[in-house]
């Protein structure tokens, strides 16, 4: 079984209990990120949103309650997670089976494309980021890990030194015991990941970027924030 297949099997097996196990805390990083995005929607006059890797639909549910005038769609490859989302009140027509790295939508199809905790589950996140940038017309919003800001002060500094020395590949192996990924019973398959490594890609495709810490207090987001959200604005209105 490939890593991707193993991750999808994990979601199939845990779909019924996933919300209770993983999204019970209304103050977790993705709820905080959703609250930030809710305020941003009105500023940029957002009308349509695509949630890539929408899972059980928690972000769509949260935002749809606050913005009933907007259109929300979700892409999720695991049917069992989509079924849970439908059971929570989302319409079947709002949810599509799909792959984050190959979205079946035209360029600029949605005002905003958002991803919450998706990229650290993808072996190569760059295609998924490029697809989000392609399909969005105004905004891209991504909330995810910053591995360089996780751990003790010493651990963080060591990881940052590996990055500074262009040894991310070696750091990845060291952190995962040579496998290149973690296999857990609480988050399935995931990879050492930081949004920081993809800032140049996002900045090259948008007019402006804004970055937030969504979990830990941090003045220097790269060095001290364990979880980050980045907003890419394609149109400077």
C-alpha atoms as a PDB file:
ATOM      1  CA  UNK A   1       0.000   0.000   0.000  1.00  0.00           C
ATOM      2  CA  UNK A   2       1.402   3.405  -0.976  1.00  0.00           C
ATOM      3  CA  UNK A   3       1.636   6.241   1.544  1.00  0.00           C
ATOM      4  CA  UNK A   4      -1.256   8.025  -0.178  1.00  0.00           C
ATOM      5  CA  UNK A   5      -3.406   4.879  -0.135  1.00  0.00           C
ATOM      6  CA  UNK A   6      -2.528   4.275   3.511  1.00  0.00           C
ATOM      7  CA  UNK A   7      -3.558   7.826   4.415  1.00  0.00           C
ATOM      8  CA  UNK A   8      -6.867   7.498   2.592  1.00  0.00           C
ATOM      9  CA  UNK A   9      -7.503   4.164   4.296  1.00  0.00           C
ATOM     10  CA  UNK A  10      -6.864   5.859   7.642  1.00  0.00           C
ATOM     11  CA  UNK A  11      -9.542   8.439   6.845  1.00  0.00           C
ATOM     12  CA  UNK A  12     -11.967   5.739   5.726  1.00  0.00           C
ATOM     13  CA  UNK A  13     -11.452   3.853   8.968  1.00  0.00           C
ATOM     14  CA  UNK A  14     -11.752   6.917  11.211  1.00  0.00           C
ATOM     15  CA  UNK A  15     -14.378   8.958   9.344  1.00  0.00           C
ATOM     16  CA  UNK A  16     -17.130   8.268  11.857  1.00  0.00           C
ATOM     17  CA  UNK A  17     -15.061   9.394  14.832  1.00  0.00           C
ATOM     18  CA  UNK A  18     -12.762  11.892  13.113  1.00  0.00           C
ATOM     19  CA  UNK A  19     -14.506  15.032  14.326  1.00  0.00           C
ATOM     20  CA  UNK A  20     -14.553  13.873  17.943  1.00  0.00           C
ATOM     21  CA  UNK A  21     -10.881  12.915  17.851  1.00  0.00           C
ATOM     22  CA  UNK A  22      -9.406  15.732  15.773  1.00  0.00           C
ATOM     23  CA  UNK A  23     -11.613  18.809  15.645  1.00  0.00           C
ATOM     24  CA  UNK A  24     -13.270  19.067  19.035  1.00  0.00           C
ATOM     25  CA  UNK A  25     -11.335  22.137  20.195  1.00  0.00           C
ATOM     26  CA  UNK A  26     -12.908  25.380  18.916  1.00  0.00           C
ATOM     27  CA  UNK A  27      -9.639  27.157  19.697  1.00  0.00           C
ATOM     28  CA  UNK A  28      -7.408  24.907  17.611  1.00  0.00           C
ATOM     29  CA  UNK A  29      -5.281  26.378  14.837  1.00  0.00           C
ATOM     30  CA  UNK A  30      -7.700  25.712  11.993  1.00  0.00           C
ATOM     31  CA  UNK A  31     -10.684  27.252  13.772  1.00  0.00           C
ATOM     32  CA  UNK A  32      -8.530  30.299  14.487  1.00  0.00           C
ATOM     33  CA  UNK A  33      -7.532  30.370  10.818  1.00  0.00           C
ATOM     34  CA  UNK A  34     -11.198  30.075   9.786  1.00  0.00           C
ATOM     35  CA  UNK A  35     -12.099  33.010  12.027  1.00  0.00           C
ATOM     36  CA  UNK A  36      -9.369  35.096  10.396  1.00  0.00           C
ATOM     37  CA  UNK A  37     -10.596  34.149   6.951  1.00  0.00           C
ATOM     38  CA  UNK A  38     -14.200  35.004   7.854  1.00  0.00           C
ATOM     39  CA  UNK A  39     -13.223  38.625   8.431  1.00  0.00           C
ATOM     40  CA  UNK A  40     -11.114  38.685   5.286  1.00  0.00           C
ATOM     41  CA  UNK A  41     -14.015  37.552   3.072  1.00  0.00           C
ATOM     42  CA  UNK A  42     -15.962  40.777   3.442  1.00  0.00           C
ATOM     43  CA  UNK A  43     -12.914  42.975   2.928  1.00  0.00           C
ATOM     44  CA  UNK A  44     -12.243  41.372  -0.456  1.00  0.00           C
ATOM     45  CA  UNK A  45     -15.916  40.928  -1.432  1.00  0.00           C
ATOM     46  CA  UNK A  46     -15.613  37.153  -1.778  1.00  0.00           C
ATOM     47  CA  UNK A  47     -18.615  35.363  -3.292  1.00  0.00           C
ATOM     48  CA  UNK A  48     -17.384  31.822  -4.034  1.00  0.00           C
ATOM     49  CA  UNK A  49     -15.006  29.519  -2.141  1.00  0.00           C
ATOM     50  CA  UNK A  50     -13.434  26.120  -2.789  1.00  0.00           C
ATOM     51  CA  UNK A  51     -12.197  24.106   0.214  1.00  0.00           C
ATOM     52  CA  UNK A  52      -9.543  21.649  -1.006  1.00  0.00           C
ATOM     53  CA  UNK A  53      -9.342  18.572   1.203  1.00  0.00           C
ATOM     54  CA  UNK A  54     -12.530  19.584   2.982  1.00  0.00           C
ATOM     55  CA  UNK A  55     -12.741  16.349   5.024  1.00  0.00           C
ATOM     56  CA  UNK A  56     -15.871  16.303   7.175  1.00  0.00           C
ATOM     57  CA  UNK A  57     -16.744  19.843   6.119  1.00  0.00           C
ATOM     58  CA  UNK A  58     -15.941  21.605   9.386  1.00  0.00           C
ATOM     59  CA  UNK A  59     -14.446  24.709   7.738  1.00  0.00           C
ATOM     60  CA  UNK A  60     -17.288  24.988   5.254  1.00  0.00           C
ATOM     61  CA  UNK A  61     -19.848  24.564   8.046  1.00  0.00           C
ATOM     62  CA  UNK A  62     -18.168  27.219  10.174  1.00  0.00           C
ATOM     63  CA  UNK A  63     -17.883  29.748   7.351  1.00  0.00           C
ATOM     64  CA  UNK A  64     -21.238  29.030   5.714  1.00  0.00           C
ATOM     65  CA  UNK A  65     -23.035  29.802   8.982  1.00  0.00           C
ATOM     66  CA  UNK A  66     -21.357  33.209   9.020  1.00  0.00           C
ATOM     67  CA  UNK A  67     -21.663  33.900   5.286  1.00  0.00           C
ATOM     68  CA  UNK A  68     -24.911  32.304   4.049  1.00  0.00           C
ATOM     69  CA  UNK A  69     -24.891  34.602   1.019  1.00  0.00           C
ATOM     70  CA  UNK A  70     -21.724  32.952  -0.327  1.00  0.00           C
ATOM     71  CA  UNK A  71     -21.243  29.765  -2.352  1.00  0.00           C
ATOM     72  CA  UNK A  72     -19.037  27.074  -0.791  1.00  0.00           C
ATOM     73  CA  UNK A  73     -17.745  23.974  -2.536  1.00  0.00           C
ATOM     74  CA  UNK A  74     -15.475  21.215  -1.253  1.00  0.00           C
ATOM     75  CA  UNK A  75     -13.120  18.683  -2.821  1.00  0.00           C
ATOM     76  CA  UNK A  76     -12.409  15.514  -0.831  1.00  0.00           C
ATOM     77  CA  UNK A  77     -11.050  12.209  -2.213  1.00  0.00           C
ATOM     78  CA  UNK A  78     -12.412  10.018   0.620  1.00  0.00           C
ATOM     79  CA  UNK A  79     -16.097   9.164   0.231  1.00  0.00           C
ATOM     80  CA  UNK A  80     -16.554   8.297   3.891  1.00  0.00           C
ATOM     81  CA  UNK A  81     -15.491  11.813   4.915  1.00  0.00           C
ATOM     82  CA  UNK A  82     -17.822  13.337   2.333  1.00  0.00           C
ATOM     83  CA  UNK A  83     -20.652  11.217   3.749  1.00  0.00           C
ATOM     84  CA  UNK A  84     -19.995  12.623   7.232  1.00  0.00           C
ATOM     85  CA  UNK A  85     -20.052  16.142   5.805  1.00  0.00           C
ATOM     86  CA  UNK A  86     -23.424  15.454   4.170  1.00  0.00           C
ATOM     87  CA  UNK A  87     -24.718  14.049   7.444  1.00  0.00           C
ATOM     88  CA  UNK A  88     -23.772  17.345   9.088  1.00  0.00           C
ATOM     89  CA  UNK A  89     -25.891  19.295   6.632  1.00  0.00           C
ATOM     90  CA  UNK A  90     -23.783  19.990   3.574  1.00  0.00           C
ATOM     91  CA  UNK A  91     -25.445  19.320   0.228  1.00  0.00           C
ATOM     92  CA  UNK A  92     -24.137  16.479  -1.886  1.00  0.00           C
ATOM     93  CA  UNK A  93     -23.882  18.959  -4.776  1.00  0.00           C
ATOM     94  CA  UNK A  94     -21.390  20.996  -2.740  1.00  0.00           C
ATOM     95  CA  UNK A  95     -18.902  18.139  -2.491  1.00  0.00           C
ATOM     96  CA  UNK A  96     -16.796  16.581  -5.214  1.00  0.00           C
ATOM     97  CA  UNK A  97     -14.356  13.708  -5.304  1.00  0.00           C
ATOM     98  CA  UNK A  98     -11.010  15.020  -6.432  1.00  0.00           C
ATOM     99  CA  UNK A  99      -7.264  15.335  -6.070  1.00  0.00           C
ATOM    100  CA  UNK A 100      -5.654  18.470  -4.624  1.00  0.00           C
ATOM    101  CA  UNK A 101      -2.819  18.117  -7.129  1.00  0.00           C
ATOM    102  CA  UNK A 102      -5.156  17.989 -10.137  1.00  0.00           C
ATOM    103  CA  UNK A 103      -8.281  20.056  -9.577  1.00  0.00           C
ATOM    104  CA  UNK A 104     -11.030  19.648 -12.152  1.00  0.00           C
ATOM    105  CA  UNK A 105     -11.861  23.352 -12.404  1.00  0.00           C
ATOM    106  CA  UNK A 106     -11.045  26.140 -14.822  1.00  0.00           C
ATOM    107  CA  UNK A 107      -8.524  28.872 -14.089  1.00  0.00           C
ATOM    108  CA  UNK A 108      -9.964  31.455 -11.702  1.00  0.00           C
ATOM    109  CA  UNK A 109     -13.111  29.409 -11.086  1.00  0.00           C
ATOM    110  CA  UNK A 110     -13.456  30.569  -7.444  1.00  0.00           C
ATOM    111  CA  UNK A 111     -12.885  33.871  -5.713  1.00  0.00           C
ATOM    112  CA  UNK A 112     -11.026  32.055  -2.936  1.00  0.00           C
ATOM    113  CA  UNK A 113      -9.367  28.659  -2.578  1.00  0.00           C
ATOM    114  CA  UNK A 114      -8.620  27.502   0.969  1.00  0.00           C
ATOM    115  CA  UNK A 115      -6.758  24.544   2.470  1.00  0.00           C
ATOM    116  CA  UNK A 116      -6.687  23.633   6.160  1.00  0.00           C
ATOM    117  CA  UNK A 117      -4.158  21.044   7.375  1.00  0.00           C
ATOM    118  CA  UNK A 118      -3.921  19.374   3.960  1.00  0.00           C
ATOM    119  CA  UNK A 119      -0.403  19.943   2.684  1.00  0.00           C
ATOM    120  CA  UNK A 120       1.462  18.091   5.434  1.00  0.00           C
ATOM    121  CA  UNK A 121      -0.324  14.931   4.237  1.00  0.00           C
ATOM    122  CA  UNK A 122       0.899  15.260   0.623  1.00  0.00           C
ATOM    123  CA  UNK A 123       4.308  13.814  -0.381  1.00  0.00           C
ATOM    124  CA  UNK A 124       4.982  16.694  -2.804  1.00  0.00           C
ATOM    125  CA  UNK A 125       2.848  19.730  -1.860  1.00  0.00           C
ATOM    126  CA  UNK A 126       4.016  22.008  -4.671  1.00  0.00           C
ATOM    127  CA  UNK A 127       1.526  20.787  -7.325  1.00  0.00           C
ATOM    128  CA  UNK A 128      -1.334  21.251  -4.851  1.00  0.00           C
ATOM    129  CA  UNK A 129      -0.256  24.825  -4.132  1.00  0.00           C
ATOM    130  CA  UNK A 130       0.061  25.569  -7.838  1.00  0.00           C
ATOM    131  CA  UNK A 131      -3.421  24.183  -8.448  1.00  0.00           C
ATOM    132  CA  UNK A 132      -4.886  26.330  -5.663  1.00  0.00           C
ATOM    133  CA  UNK A 133      -3.220  29.390  -7.169  1.00  0.00           C
ATOM    134  CA  UNK A 134      -4.509  28.492 -10.629  1.00  0.00           C
ATOM    135  CA  UNK A 135      -8.126  27.908  -9.633  1.00  0.00           C
ATOM    136  CA  UNK A 136      -8.412  30.997  -7.417  1.00  0.00           C
ATOM    137  CA  UNK A 137      -9.344  34.399  -8.828  1.00  0.00           C
ATOM    138  CA  UNK A 138      -8.723  36.647  -5.818  1.00  0.00           C
ATOM    139  CA  UNK A 139      -7.400  34.814  -2.746  1.00  0.00           C
ATOM    140  CA  UNK A 140      -5.528  31.700  -1.672  1.00  0.00           C
ATOM    141  CA  UNK A 141      -5.602  30.882   2.054  1.00  0.00           C
ATOM    142  CA  UNK A 142      -3.557  28.010   3.505  1.00  0.00           C
ATOM    143  CA  UNK A 143      -3.344  26.935   7.158  1.00  0.00           C
ATOM    144  CA  UNK A 144      -0.745  24.294   8.033  1.00  0.00           C
ATOM    145  CA  UNK A 145       2.391  23.258   9.927  1.00  0.00           C
ATOM    146  CA  UNK A 146       5.702  25.032  10.421  1.00  0.00           C
ATOM    147  CA  UNK A 147       8.021  22.211  11.463  1.00  0.00           C
ATOM    148  CA  UNK A 148      10.829  24.715  12.132  1.00  0.00           C
ATOM    149  CA  UNK A 149       8.768  26.340  14.885  1.00  0.00           C
ATOM    150  CA  UNK A 150       7.861  23.092  16.664  1.00  0.00           C
ATOM    151  CA  UNK A 151       9.642  21.785  19.746  1.00  0.00           C
ATOM    152  CA  UNK A 152      12.015  23.152  22.336  1.00  0.00           C
ATOM    153  CA  UNK A 153      14.201  26.217  21.597  1.00  0.00           C
ATOM    154  CA  UNK A 154      17.159  23.901  20.924  1.00  0.00           C
ATOM    155  CA  UNK A 155      15.163  21.568  18.679  1.00  0.00           C
ATOM    156  CA  UNK A 156      13.820  24.483  16.660  1.00  0.00           C
ATOM    157  CA  UNK A 157      17.285  25.968  16.215  1.00  0.00           C
ATOM    158  CA  UNK A 158      18.757  22.651  15.060  1.00  0.00           C
ATOM    159  CA  UNK A 159      15.992  22.216  12.475  1.00  0.00           C
ATOM    160  CA  UNK A 160      16.475  25.777  11.255  1.00  0.00           C
ATOM    161  CA  UNK A 161      20.221  25.124  10.853  1.00  0.00           C
ATOM    162  CA  UNK A 162      19.492  22.127   8.635  1.00  0.00           C
ATOM    163  CA  UNK A 163      17.285  24.334   6.469  1.00  0.00           C
ATOM    164  CA  UNK A 164      19.897  27.100   6.325  1.00  0.00           C
ATOM    165  CA  UNK A 165      22.442  24.520   5.144  1.00  0.00           C
ATOM    166  CA  UNK A 166      20.043  23.324   2.375  1.00  0.00           C
ATOM    167  CA  UNK A 167      19.732  19.929   4.072  1.00  0.00           C
ATOM    168  CA  UNK A 168      15.954  19.696   4.270  1.00  0.00           C
ATOM    169  CA  UNK A 169      16.093  16.216   2.744  1.00  0.00           C
ATOM    170  CA  UNK A 170      18.384  14.995   5.533  1.00  0.00           C
ATOM    171  CA  UNK A 171      16.280  16.661   8.230  1.00  0.00           C
ATOM    172  CA  UNK A 172      13.221  14.882   6.861  1.00  0.00           C
ATOM    173  CA  UNK A 173      14.953  11.506   7.176  1.00  0.00           C
ATOM    174  CA  UNK A 174      16.269  12.232  10.658  1.00  0.00           C
ATOM    175  CA  UNK A 175      12.866  13.331  11.948  1.00  0.00           C
ATOM    176  CA  UNK A 176      11.146  10.229  10.589  1.00  0.00           C
ATOM    177  CA  UNK A 177      13.696   7.516  11.347  1.00  0.00           C
ATOM    178  CA  UNK A 178      14.712   7.239   7.704  1.00  0.00           C
ATOM    179  CA  UNK A 179      11.201   6.695   6.294  1.00  0.00           C
ATOM    180  CA  UNK A 180      10.559  10.245   5.159  1.00  0.00           C
ATOM    181  CA  UNK A 181       7.127  10.315   6.783  1.00  0.00           C
ATOM    182  CA  UNK A 182       5.358   9.682  10.088  1.00  0.00           C
ATOM    183  CA  UNK A 183       2.749   6.945  10.454  1.00  0.00           C
ATOM    184  CA  UNK A 184       0.480   7.525  13.447  1.00  0.00           C
ATOM    185  CA  UNK A 185      -2.863   6.400  14.833  1.00  0.00           C
ATOM    186  CA  UNK A 186      -3.901  10.030  15.462  1.00  0.00           C
ATOM    187  CA  UNK A 187      -3.119  11.746  12.134  1.00  0.00           C
ATOM    188  CA  UNK A 188      -2.378   8.904   9.756  1.00  0.00           C
ATOM    189  CA  UNK A 189       0.499   9.536   7.349  1.00  0.00           C
ATOM    190  CA  UNK A 190       2.096  12.964   7.452  1.00  0.00           C
ATOM    191  CA  UNK A 191       5.388  14.544   6.457  1.00  0.00           C
ATOM    192  CA  UNK A 192       7.744  17.058   8.084  1.00  0.00           C
ATOM    193  CA  UNK A 193       6.342  20.203   6.495  1.00  0.00           C
ATOM    194  CA  UNK A 194       6.547  23.962   6.731  1.00  0.00           C
ATOM    195  CA  UNK A 195       4.582  26.584   4.839  1.00  0.00           C
ATOM    196  CA  UNK A 196       7.727  28.715   5.049  1.00  0.00           C
ATOM    197  CA  UNK A 197       9.384  26.555   2.386  1.00  0.00           C
ATOM    198  CA  UNK A 198       6.636  27.477  -0.095  1.00  0.00           C
ATOM    199  CA  UNK A 199       6.467  31.223   0.548  1.00  0.00           C
ATOM    200  CA  UNK A 200       8.587  32.011  -2.560  1.00  0.00           C
ATOM    201  CA  UNK A 201       6.243  29.991  -4.787  1.00  0.00           C
ATOM    202  CA  UNK A 202       3.151  31.751  -3.433  1.00  0.00           C
ATOM    203  CA  UNK A 203       4.699  35.220  -3.482  1.00  0.00           C
ATOM    204  CA  UNK A 204       5.691  34.794  -7.125  1.00  0.00           C
ATOM    205  CA  UNK A 205       2.058  34.220  -8.125  1.00  0.00           C
ATOM    206  CA  UNK A 206       0.220  36.882  -6.115  1.00  0.00           C
ATOM    207  CA  UNK A 207       0.248  40.633  -5.648  1.00  0.00           C
ATOM    208  CA  UNK A 208       0.564  40.520  -1.839  1.00  0.00           C
ATOM    209  CA  UNK A 209       0.942  38.022   1.015  1.00  0.00           C
ATOM    210  CA  UNK A 210       0.044  38.155   4.709  1.00  0.00           C
ATOM    211  CA  UNK A 211       1.176  35.578   7.271  1.00  0.00           C
ATOM    212  CA  UNK A 212      -0.312  34.703  10.673  1.00  0.00           C
ATOM    213  CA  UNK A 213       0.561  32.477  13.618  1.00  0.00           C
ATOM    214  CA  UNK A 214      -2.504  30.381  14.408  1.00  0.00           C
ATOM    215  CA  UNK A 215      -1.383  28.516  17.538  1.00  0.00           C
ATOM    216  CA  UNK A 216       1.711  29.791  19.335  1.00  0.00           C
ATOM    217  CA  UNK A 217       2.731  33.289  20.339  1.00  0.00           C
ATOM    218  CA  UNK A 218       5.551  34.351  18.040  1.00  0.00           C
ATOM    219  CA  UNK A 219       7.250  37.549  16.985  1.00  0.00           C
ATOM    220  CA  UNK A 220       9.438  35.697  14.480  1.00  0.00           C
ATOM    221  CA  UNK A 221       6.964  33.429  12.688  1.00  0.00           C
ATOM    222  CA  UNK A 222       9.603  31.255  11.022  1.00  0.00           C
ATOM    223  CA  UNK A 223      11.525  30.593  14.224  1.00  0.00           C
ATOM    224  CA  UNK A 224       8.742  30.324  16.806  1.00  0.00           C
ATOM    225  CA  UNK A 225       5.289  29.710  15.260  1.00  0.00           C
ATOM    226  CA  UNK A 226       4.357  26.022  15.172  1.00  0.00           C
ATOM    227  CA  UNK A 227       1.364  26.587  12.874  1.00  0.00           C
ATOM    228  CA  UNK A 228       0.963  29.239  10.202  1.00  0.00           C
ATOM    229  CA  UNK A 229      -1.631  30.596   7.835  1.00  0.00           C
ATOM    230  CA  UNK A 230      -0.758  32.502   4.694  1.00  0.00           C
ATOM    231  CA  UNK A 231      -3.099  34.684   2.656  1.00  0.00           C
ATOM    232  CA  UNK A 232      -2.138  35.301  -0.953  1.00  0.00           C
ATOM    233  CA  UNK A 233      -3.977  38.190  -2.639  1.00  0.00           C
ATOM    234  CA  UNK A 234      -3.985  37.896  -6.413  1.00  0.00           C
ATOM    235  CA  UNK A 235      -5.805  41.176  -7.046  1.00  0.00           C
ATOM    236  CA  UNK A 236      -4.870  44.352  -5.218  1.00  0.00           C
ATOM    237  CA  UNK A 237      -8.318  45.929  -5.014  1.00  0.00           C
END
